[in-house]
Every structure is written in structure tokens, then in C-alpha cells.
Protein backbone atom coordinates (compact mmCIF):
# COMPACT_ATOMS: atom_id res chain seq x y z
CA UNK A 1 -22.77 131.91 259.80
CA UNK A 2 -24.12 133.16 256.44
CA UNK A 3 -21.99 135.07 254.00
CA UNK A 4 -22.69 138.82 253.89
CA UNK A 5 -24.73 140.30 251.05
CA UNK A 6 -23.15 142.00 248.03
CA UNK A 7 -24.01 145.43 249.46
CA UNK A 8 -22.41 144.53 252.79
CA UNK A 9 -19.32 143.22 251.04
CA UNK A 10 -18.97 146.56 249.22
CA UNK A 11 -19.26 148.36 252.55
CA UNK A 12 -16.64 146.07 254.10
CA UNK A 13 -14.29 146.76 251.19
CA UNK A 14 -14.75 150.48 251.78
CA UNK A 15 -14.22 150.05 255.53
CA UNK A 16 -11.03 148.09 254.84
CA UNK A 17 -9.84 150.90 252.59
CA UNK A 18 -10.50 153.45 255.33
CA UNK A 19 -8.74 151.28 257.91
CA UNK A 20 -5.67 151.01 255.70
CA UNK A 21 -5.64 154.75 255.04
CA UNK A 22 -6.05 155.70 258.70
CA UNK A 23 -3.23 153.36 259.70
CA UNK A 24 -0.94 153.96 256.74
CA UNK A 25 -1.24 157.68 255.95
CA UNK A 26 -0.26 160.69 258.07
CA UNK A 27 -3.20 161.78 260.20
CA UNK A 28 -4.79 165.05 259.08
CA UNK A 29 -8.04 166.78 260.10
CA UNK A 30 -9.26 166.53 256.50
CA UNK A 31 -8.68 162.77 256.36
CA UNK A 32 -10.41 162.19 259.70
CA UNK A 33 -13.38 164.37 258.74
CA UNK A 34 -13.77 162.52 255.45
CA UNK A 35 -13.80 159.24 257.37
CA UNK A 36 -16.45 160.54 259.77
CA UNK A 37 -18.54 161.74 256.84
CA UNK A 38 -18.32 158.28 255.29
CA UNK A 39 -19.41 156.67 258.57
CA UNK A 40 -22.39 159.01 258.89
CA UNK A 41 -23.54 158.51 255.30
CA UNK A 42 -25.01 155.02 255.72
CA UNK A 43 -25.80 152.61 258.53
CA UNK A 44 -24.14 149.88 256.43
CA UNK A 45 -20.90 151.84 256.62
CA UNK A 46 -21.03 151.93 260.40
CA UNK A 47 -21.83 148.22 260.57
CA UNK A 48 -18.93 147.43 258.24
CA UNK A 49 -16.57 149.53 260.35
CA UNK A 50 -17.76 147.69 263.47
CA UNK A 51 -16.88 144.41 261.76
CA UNK A 52 -13.37 145.67 261.11
CA UNK A 53 -13.09 146.70 264.77
CA UNK A 54 -14.42 143.31 265.83
CA UNK A 55 -11.52 141.75 263.98
CA UNK A 56 -9.17 143.98 265.99
CA UNK A 57 -10.84 142.65 269.13
CA UNK A 58 -10.13 139.08 268.06
CA UNK A 59 -6.40 139.66 267.64
CA UNK A 60 -5.48 138.73 271.19
CA UNK A 61 -7.59 135.56 271.07
CA UNK A 62 -6.22 134.21 267.78
CA UNK A 63 -3.02 132.20 268.42
CA UNK A 64 0.22 132.48 266.59
CA UNK A 65 0.27 136.07 265.34
CA UNK A 66 -2.15 135.21 262.56
CA UNK A 67 -3.45 138.42 261.10
CA UNK A 68 -1.10 140.96 262.58
CA UNK A 69 1.42 141.02 259.74
CA UNK A 70 -1.42 142.33 257.57
CA UNK A 71 -3.31 144.53 260.00
CA UNK A 72 -0.45 145.65 262.23
CA UNK A 73 0.83 148.05 259.57
CA UNK A 74 -1.55 147.71 256.62
CA UNK A 75 -0.26 149.20 253.39
CA UNK A 76 -3.28 148.43 251.23
CA UNK A 77 -6.93 147.50 251.31
CA UNK A 78 -5.96 144.07 250.00
CA UNK A 79 -3.90 143.28 253.10
CA UNK A 80 -6.81 144.25 255.36
CA UNK A 81 -9.32 142.26 253.32
CA UNK A 82 -7.09 139.21 253.48
CA UNK A 83 -7.15 139.30 257.26
CA UNK A 84 -10.91 139.92 257.35
CA UNK A 85 -11.42 136.90 255.13
CA UNK A 86 -9.16 134.76 257.31
CA UNK A 87 -11.28 135.62 260.34
CA UNK A 88 -14.50 134.80 258.52
CA UNK A 89 -15.79 138.36 258.13
CA UNK A 90 -16.12 138.03 254.36
CA UNK A 91 -16.68 134.32 253.94
CA UNK A 92 -18.62 133.47 257.09
CA UNK A 93 -16.19 130.61 257.61
CA UNK A 94 -15.31 131.57 261.18
CA UNK A 95 -12.04 131.79 263.04
CA UNK A 96 -10.85 128.30 262.17
CA UNK A 97 -9.49 129.42 258.81
CA UNK A 98 -6.11 130.04 260.40
CA UNK A 99 -5.51 126.29 260.65
CA UNK A 100 -4.92 126.16 256.90
CA UNK A 101 -2.61 129.17 256.75
CA UNK A 102 0.73 128.52 255.01
CA UNK A 103 2.84 131.46 256.19
CA UNK A 104 6.08 130.56 257.95
CA UNK A 105 5.54 132.68 261.05
CA UNK A 106 2.25 130.95 261.81
CA UNK A 107 4.05 127.62 262.02
CA UNK A 108 7.10 128.91 263.89
CA UNK A 109 8.54 127.17 266.92
CA UNK A 110 7.87 130.25 269.06
CA UNK A 111 5.66 133.29 268.41
CA UNK A 112 3.93 136.13 270.23
CA UNK A 113 0.71 138.05 269.68
CA UNK A 114 0.08 141.78 270.08
CA UNK A 115 1.40 143.05 273.41
CA UNK A 116 2.89 139.68 274.34
CA UNK A 117 6.55 139.02 275.19
CA UNK A 118 8.07 135.61 275.75
CA UNK A 119 11.39 134.47 277.21
CA UNK A 120 12.90 131.08 276.32
CA UNK A 121 16.01 129.37 277.63
CA UNK A 122 17.73 127.55 274.80
CA UNK A 123 19.45 124.18 274.98
CA UNK A 124 22.90 125.76 275.29
CA UNK A 125 21.85 128.03 278.16
CA UNK A 126 21.43 131.13 275.96
CA UNK A 127 18.32 133.25 276.49
CA UNK A 128 15.93 134.26 273.71
CA UNK A 129 13.27 136.92 274.33
CA UNK A 130 10.54 137.61 271.76
CA UNK A 131 8.98 141.04 271.57
CA UNK A 132 5.40 141.73 270.49
CA UNK A 133 4.26 140.29 267.12
CA UNK A 134 7.33 138.10 266.65
CA UNK A 135 7.99 134.62 265.29
CA UNK A 136 11.15 132.48 265.29
CA UNK A 137 12.39 128.97 264.56
CA UNK A 138 15.23 127.45 266.58
CA UNK A 139 17.58 125.24 264.57
CA UNK A 140 20.32 123.74 266.75
CA UNK A 141 22.42 121.00 265.15
CA UNK A 142 25.80 119.33 265.62
CA UNK A 143 27.61 122.15 263.82
CA UNK A 144 25.60 125.34 264.46
CA UNK A 145 23.16 127.23 266.68
CA UNK A 146 20.72 129.08 264.43
CA UNK A 147 17.74 131.32 265.17
CA UNK A 148 15.50 132.12 262.19
CA UNK A 149 13.59 135.36 262.76
CA UNK A 150 10.50 135.52 260.53
CA UNK A 151 8.81 138.62 261.98
CA UNK A 152 9.16 141.13 264.79
CA UNK A 153 12.05 141.55 267.23
CA UNK A 154 14.18 139.46 269.56
CA UNK A 155 16.77 139.94 272.28
CA UNK A 156 19.57 137.37 272.50
CA UNK A 157 21.88 136.73 275.45
CA UNK A 158 24.36 134.11 274.30
CA UNK A 159 26.21 131.66 276.54
CA UNK A 160 29.41 129.75 275.92
CA UNK A 161 28.62 126.65 273.88
CA UNK A 162 29.00 123.48 276.00
CA UNK A 163 29.88 121.49 272.86
CA UNK A 164 33.45 120.96 271.66
CA UNK A 165 34.33 122.35 269.21
CA UNK A 166 32.09 125.34 269.85
CA UNK A 167 29.26 125.88 267.37
CA UNK A 168 28.73 129.38 265.92
CA UNK A 169 25.60 131.21 267.15
CA UNK A 170 23.75 132.92 264.29
CA UNK A 171 20.48 134.74 263.64
CA UNK A 172 19.07 134.54 260.14
CA UNK A 173 16.47 136.90 258.63
CA UNK A 174 15.32 137.36 255.05
CA UNK A 175 17.98 140.07 254.71
CA UNK A 176 21.04 138.18 255.92
CA UNK A 177 22.87 136.61 258.84
CA UNK A 178 24.20 137.91 262.13
CA UNK A 179 26.88 135.93 263.96
CA UNK A 180 27.25 136.50 267.67
CA UNK A 181 30.71 136.71 269.17
CA UNK A 182 29.78 136.07 272.82
CA UNK A 183 27.32 138.91 273.14
CA UNK A 184 23.93 140.43 273.93
CA UNK A 185 22.04 142.03 271.05
CA UNK A 186 18.64 142.76 269.51
CA UNK A 187 17.43 141.97 266.00
CA UNK A 188 14.36 143.61 264.47
CA UNK A 189 12.67 143.26 261.08
CA UNK A 190 10.83 146.38 259.93
CA UNK A 191 10.11 148.26 256.71
CA UNK A 192 11.99 145.84 254.49
CA UNK A 193 15.21 145.87 256.52
CA UNK A 194 16.81 144.21 259.53
CA UNK A 195 18.27 146.31 262.35
CA UNK A 196 20.84 144.92 264.79
CA UNK A 197 21.57 146.67 268.08
CA UNK A 198 24.50 145.46 270.19
CA UNK A 199 24.35 145.79 273.98
CA UNK A 200 27.48 143.78 274.81
CA UNK A 201 30.59 142.78 272.85
CA UNK A 202 30.35 142.23 269.06
CA UNK A 203 28.39 140.69 266.18
CA UNK A 204 29.22 140.21 262.49
CA UNK A 205 26.61 141.00 259.82
CA UNK A 206 26.49 139.52 256.29
CA UNK A 207 23.73 140.70 253.90
CA UNK A 208 22.00 137.84 252.07
CA UNK A 209 23.11 138.81 248.57
CA UNK A 210 26.46 140.31 249.64
CA UNK A 211 28.14 137.70 251.85
CA UNK A 212 31.44 139.43 251.09
CA UNK A 213 30.16 142.61 252.76
CA UNK A 214 31.00 141.66 256.35
CA UNK A 215 30.56 144.36 258.96
CA UNK A 216 31.30 144.25 262.68
CA UNK A 217 28.93 145.95 265.11
CA UNK A 218 30.21 146.50 268.63
CA UNK A 219 28.58 147.41 271.94
CA UNK A 220 26.74 150.73 271.76
CA UNK A 221 26.22 150.54 267.99
CA UNK A 222 23.37 149.57 265.69
CA UNK A 223 23.24 148.69 262.00
CA UNK A 224 20.39 148.54 259.50
CA UNK A 225 20.80 146.34 256.42
CA UNK A 226 18.86 144.88 253.51
CA UNK A 227 19.65 141.78 251.47
CA UNK A 228 22.09 143.76 249.32
CA UNK A 229 23.42 146.70 251.37
CA UNK A 230 24.26 148.01 254.83
CA UNK A 231 23.59 151.52 256.13
CA UNK A 232 26.26 153.41 258.09
CA UNK A 233 26.72 152.46 261.74
CA UNK A 234 24.78 154.55 264.26
CA UNK A 235 24.89 154.96 268.01
CA UNK A 236 22.52 152.57 269.76
CA UNK A 237 19.26 154.25 270.73
CA UNK A 238 18.86 155.02 274.42
CA UNK A 239 16.62 152.40 276.00
CA UNK A 240 17.35 149.75 273.37
CA UNK A 241 16.25 146.37 274.70
CA UNK A 242 14.25 147.90 277.58
CA UNK A 243 11.13 146.32 276.10
CA UNK A 244 12.35 142.97 277.44
CA UNK A 245 11.67 144.23 280.98
CA UNK A 246 8.30 145.66 279.99
CA UNK A 247 9.16 149.33 279.44
CA UNK A 248 9.56 151.74 276.58
CA UNK A 249 12.40 154.09 277.51
CA UNK A 250 12.76 157.20 275.38
CA UNK A 251 14.80 160.39 275.62
CA UNK A 252 13.85 163.39 273.49
CA UNK A 253 12.06 161.34 270.85
CA UNK A 254 9.24 162.85 268.73
CA UNK A 255 5.76 161.97 269.93
CA UNK A 256 4.87 160.41 266.56
CA UNK A 257 7.77 157.95 266.93
CA UNK A 258 6.82 157.13 270.51
CA UNK A 259 3.22 156.41 269.48
CA UNK A 260 4.41 154.27 266.57
CA UNK A 261 6.33 152.14 269.07
CA UNK A 262 3.41 151.94 271.49
CA UNK A 263 1.04 150.95 268.69
CA UNK A 264 3.00 147.71 268.25
CA UNK A 265 1.67 146.59 271.64
CA UNK A 266 -2.04 147.24 271.12
CA UNK A 267 -4.70 146.67 268.46
CA UNK A 268 -6.35 149.47 266.53
CA UNK A 269 -5.26 152.97 265.57
CA UNK A 270 -3.02 155.11 267.80
CA UNK A 271 -1.87 158.42 266.35
CA UNK A 272 -1.61 162.13 266.95
CA UNK A 273 -2.44 165.52 265.49
CA UNK A 274 0.35 166.75 263.18
CA UNK A 275 0.62 169.86 265.34
CA UNK A 276 2.18 167.84 268.17
CA UNK A 277 3.88 165.09 266.13
CA UNK A 278 7.35 166.55 266.77
CA UNK A 279 6.81 167.18 270.50
CA UNK A 280 9.87 165.76 272.26
CA UNK A 281 9.04 163.01 274.75
CA UNK A 282 11.19 161.56 277.53
CA UNK A 283 10.25 158.92 280.06
CA UNK A 284 9.86 155.23 280.89
CA UNK A 285 6.42 153.92 279.97
CA UNK A 286 4.89 150.52 280.81
CA UNK A 287 4.20 148.37 277.76
CA UNK A 288 1.69 146.10 279.49
CA UNK A 289 -0.70 148.95 280.34
CA UNK A 290 -1.15 151.29 277.39
CA UNK A 291 -3.94 153.14 279.18
CA UNK A 292 -1.54 154.05 281.99
CA UNK A 293 0.97 155.20 279.38
CA UNK A 294 -1.61 157.40 277.65
CA UNK A 295 -2.63 158.86 281.01
CA UNK A 296 1.02 159.62 281.84
CA UNK A 297 1.51 161.33 278.49
CA UNK A 298 -1.59 163.49 278.92
CA UNK A 299 -0.56 164.46 282.46
CA UNK A 300 3.07 165.24 281.67
CA UNK A 301 2.78 166.94 278.28
CA UNK A 302 0.45 169.55 276.71
CA UNK A 303 -1.87 167.07 275.05
CA UNK A 304 -5.08 165.16 275.66
CA UNK A 305 -6.48 161.79 274.58
CA UNK A 306 -9.31 161.78 272.05
CA UNK A 307 -11.23 158.49 271.70
CA UNK A 308 -13.64 157.73 268.92
CA UNK A 309 -13.84 154.02 269.78
CA UNK A 310 -11.75 151.75 272.05
CA UNK A 311 -9.67 150.91 268.97
CA UNK A 312 -9.27 154.42 267.56
CA UNK A 313 -7.27 156.79 269.77
CA UNK A 314 -5.66 160.07 268.84
CA UNK A 315 -3.61 162.53 270.87
CA UNK A 316 -4.38 166.19 270.25
CA UNK A 317 -3.13 169.51 271.68
CA UNK A 318 -4.54 170.36 275.07
CA UNK A 319 -6.65 173.49 275.03
CA UNK A 320 -6.72 175.75 278.07
């Protein structure tokens, strides 16, 4: 494959910028119209955009959650361009570039791609379930049971340790450590913080830079923390952990939040018109069939699905 021309590279850079803006900024009619105007201005723009969408189409075929940390929630054009380059769009080097990638989650013991979930039985009989776009290492030794979460979300169901004396069961993220006290709980990394939700019994949380700041989280509670602080305890969200059985369960949650959750399980853009962003949604929606979920939303609520491409979907108010 030959490298693209300088003009095509400029168009790809612009397409990457638009992709980042459409995924990272609140959706507005003015933003979407400006994007459409850019697409219509030059055939090279449309071709560049198609290349970006082609990358989205490759996500499910590239192992190990390779480009999703960059494209799943892009915050800048640079993050998008990095993923395009890794998939050969800029360099012509093809999809094998991932074999040289150094990032920890790519080399993790267990990982999942977009829309994938994976359940693992650990050596002590505990169960570990990975949600979409997740990566973990399992580090069991003579004196501890440790799960290192590099990205995404997990559900842990601990079992009594068969060893004597019993080894502590801990989950480590970049923000700190969670010690399980015979329990069932979720751990999620998002937006520079770790959130722990406890379904059964109790866990102890220690932020990375404040090991003295120990906080207990009991069943029905959740806690968000960074490396240096912990937020106040909150009631566990209804439906927490339901993703492990393949459903998103929500009660009176704003549509924008529901779509943000659903977008974790599919490639491309999924958003809504600001006019319906706060529409309260309740229901149980299948995570393995996003098209069925979108159909259920359009049938049950005053909205309709607007598709520009298979990877760009927006919900808008339904007109009578």
C-alpha cells in the first residue's frame, strides 16, 4: 500500500479533527451543519472521512483493544491521528503495526474489544467478568491475589481463598487499590478516576497517593476516587452490574447518559439532539444488539433515529 499524498494527508488531518469534535463536543445543529458543509466542499474530504469510518469498521477485527482508548472517547485530533497511523491509514503500513505497540493494555493477560464481554474463572474459584473495552492482568502469588485493571470495567465475585493463611484479594488501578472483604463489586476507570460499586458485603479503598485515606464501601454504595482524593459515598446506581448479563438497566436516566453508555458497545458516533438530551429513560436494553435498542427507544419514546452513515447515528425529536 502506498502512502497517501500530501493533499490527502491534510484532508485526513481535517477529518480526524472533525471526528474528535463530533465525539468530544456537545452535539448542536450548527456543529453538524458545519461538518456537512466541510464534507460537501471537496471530494477529498469525503474520501478522508470514509477512511476514518473504515478504521471504525476495523475495530472489531483488531485484537486486544488496540485503538479504542484513543478513538473510543477522543479528546483531540492527535489521539485520532495516532490510531489512524497505527492502522496504516497515514503510513500505508497496514494493520500489523499493532504488534509493536507498547501500551500495557495491549499486552494484558485478558482484554475485550468493543461490545465484547468475557468471563474468567480464577485459580481460587473467584469469577472475573470484563466489560467492553477492558484490559486486566492477573497477579496471583503466595501472599496475595491481585487484579490490575488497565482500562474499562470489571465485575468481581470473590471466593474464600483455599490457601492458608488466606491471601488478600485486591484490585489495583492507576488511582489506587481496592481490597475485597468477601464480596461482589464492580470497578470502572473513566474520566481520570476509578469508581467502585459494591453489590455484596464490603470493600476498602486506598487512593494511590493517600494510603492513609482508607474508606469502606458497603453493599448498595459506590465511591469515585482519584490518586489523591475520594468523593463522597453515593447510593449504587440501579442496574449496576447488569451489563454482565448483557443488559443496560436504567431508571429515569437522561437520554444523553443512556446513549453515552450504549456508545461504549459500538463503534462510531451515537448522540442526540440537545432538545431531547434530558428526556428521562427507563428500561432494560440488550447490549449485544444496539439496533434493537435503538428501535426500542424510537418506539417507546418521542424520538426517531437519524442515520448519516452506519457509524454516525443521532436521535432527534419525533415530528408528528
